[in-house]
Structures are given as structure tokens and as C-alpha cells.
């Protein structure tokens, strides 16, 4: 079953209310406010040992895309495969 999650900027309560009203009867859709207040923290100093990942983490790029969409448009949508 596929679910959809709309993430709305806390600066856009009008958009949040509109999406909630529009998507209210959709069983697999959820509308939430973005809760992140600042960019993710990074470890101070060098990371001990060699980097074990061969490719960048897919989740990191997805989080960056979502954050950029929320900042640019006021909202982002995430499709969740269950």
C-alpha cells in the first residue's frame, strides 16, 4: 500500500489548512508541519577510520531534497511504500 505524506512549512498555516481540508477523506494521506528548525548537526572534527560507505546515503539526498522543496515552495510530498 502506498502512502503520501505532505510536509508543510510552519510559516504556511494557510497551505497546511487547505491541504488538510482537501485531503481529509483520503485514507492514505497525512499532512504534517515540518518540525526541523535547523540543518542537521554534523560530528565535530574528523570521522575516525576510513569511510565505509562506497556511495552517499540515499536517505541523506532525499532529506536534502525535501528540505529544499519545503524552503522553496512551502511544502514537499513524500511517497511511502509500505
Protein backbone atom coordinates (compact mmCIF):
# COMPACT_ATOMS: atom_id res chain seq x y z
CA UNK A 1 0.00 0.00 0.00
CA UNK A 2 1.35 3.43 -0.93
CA UNK A 3 1.01 6.35 1.48
CA UNK A 4 1.64 10.01 0.86
CA UNK A 5 2.98 12.44 3.40
CA UNK A 6 2.69 16.19 2.79
CA UNK A 7 5.23 18.19 4.80
CA UNK A 8 4.32 21.87 5.12
CA UNK A 9 6.44 24.77 6.34
CA UNK A 10 5.30 26.14 9.72
CA UNK A 11 5.37 29.56 8.01
CA UNK A 12 2.47 28.48 5.78
CA UNK A 13 -0.56 27.73 8.01
CA UNK A 14 -2.85 28.69 5.11
CA UNK A 15 -1.36 25.95 2.94
CA UNK A 16 -1.49 23.46 5.81
CA UNK A 17 -5.19 24.16 6.44
CA UNK A 18 -6.03 23.92 2.75
CA UNK A 19 -4.25 20.60 2.31
CA UNK A 20 -5.83 19.19 5.47
CA UNK A 21 -9.31 20.10 4.21
CA UNK A 22 -8.65 18.78 0.71
CA UNK A 23 -7.03 15.52 1.81
CA UNK A 24 -9.24 14.88 4.84
CA UNK A 25 -11.10 11.94 3.29
CA UNK A 26 -8.06 10.29 1.74
CA UNK A 27 -7.15 7.29 3.92
CA UNK A 28 -3.51 7.02 2.84
CA UNK A 29 -2.59 10.71 3.02
CA UNK A 30 -1.22 12.61 6.00
CA UNK A 31 -0.45 16.33 6.24
CA UNK A 32 2.08 17.49 8.85
CA UNK A 33 4.13 20.57 9.68
CA UNK A 34 7.88 20.38 9.19
CA UNK A 35 9.42 20.03 12.65
CA UNK A 36 13.07 20.60 11.82
CA UNK A 37 14.22 24.01 12.99
CA UNK A 38 17.82 23.95 11.80
CA UNK A 39 20.04 21.94 9.47
CA UNK A 40 21.13 18.51 10.73
CA UNK A 41 24.09 18.53 13.07
CA UNK A 42 27.37 17.12 11.91
CA UNK A 43 30.01 15.45 14.00
CA UNK A 44 32.75 17.81 15.14
CA UNK A 45 36.21 17.03 13.84
CA UNK A 46 37.32 14.27 11.52
CA UNK A 47 35.43 11.00 11.36
CA UNK A 48 37.59 8.23 12.87
CA UNK A 49 38.68 5.50 10.48
CA UNK A 50 38.14 5.17 6.75
CA UNK A 51 34.74 5.88 5.20
CA UNK A 52 32.98 2.54 4.85
CA UNK A 53 30.18 3.63 2.56
CA UNK A 54 31.04 3.44 -1.11
CA UNK A 55 28.17 5.67 -2.20
CA UNK A 56 26.39 8.54 -0.47
CA UNK A 57 23.44 7.52 1.68
CA UNK A 58 20.22 7.72 -0.33
CA UNK A 59 18.35 8.98 2.74
CA UNK A 60 20.66 11.98 3.05
CA UNK A 61 19.92 13.15 -0.50
CA UNK A 62 16.18 12.56 -0.01
CA UNK A 63 16.21 14.65 3.18
CA UNK A 64 18.06 17.43 1.38
CA UNK A 65 15.52 17.38 -1.46
CA UNK A 66 12.60 17.52 0.96
CA UNK A 67 14.18 20.38 2.92
CA UNK A 68 14.88 22.31 -0.29
CA UNK A 69 11.30 21.81 -1.51
CA UNK A 70 9.81 22.96 1.79
CA UNK A 71 12.03 26.03 1.77
CA UNK A 72 11.36 26.89 -1.90
CA UNK A 73 7.66 26.02 -2.21
CA UNK A 74 6.41 25.86 1.37
CA UNK A 75 5.67 22.13 1.11
CA UNK A 76 7.02 18.79 -0.08
CA UNK A 77 5.45 15.40 -0.70
CA UNK A 78 6.95 12.04 0.26
CA UNK A 79 5.69 8.74 -1.11
CA UNK A 80 5.98 5.90 1.35
CA UNK A 81 5.88 2.28 0.23
CA UNK A 82 4.52 0.03 2.95
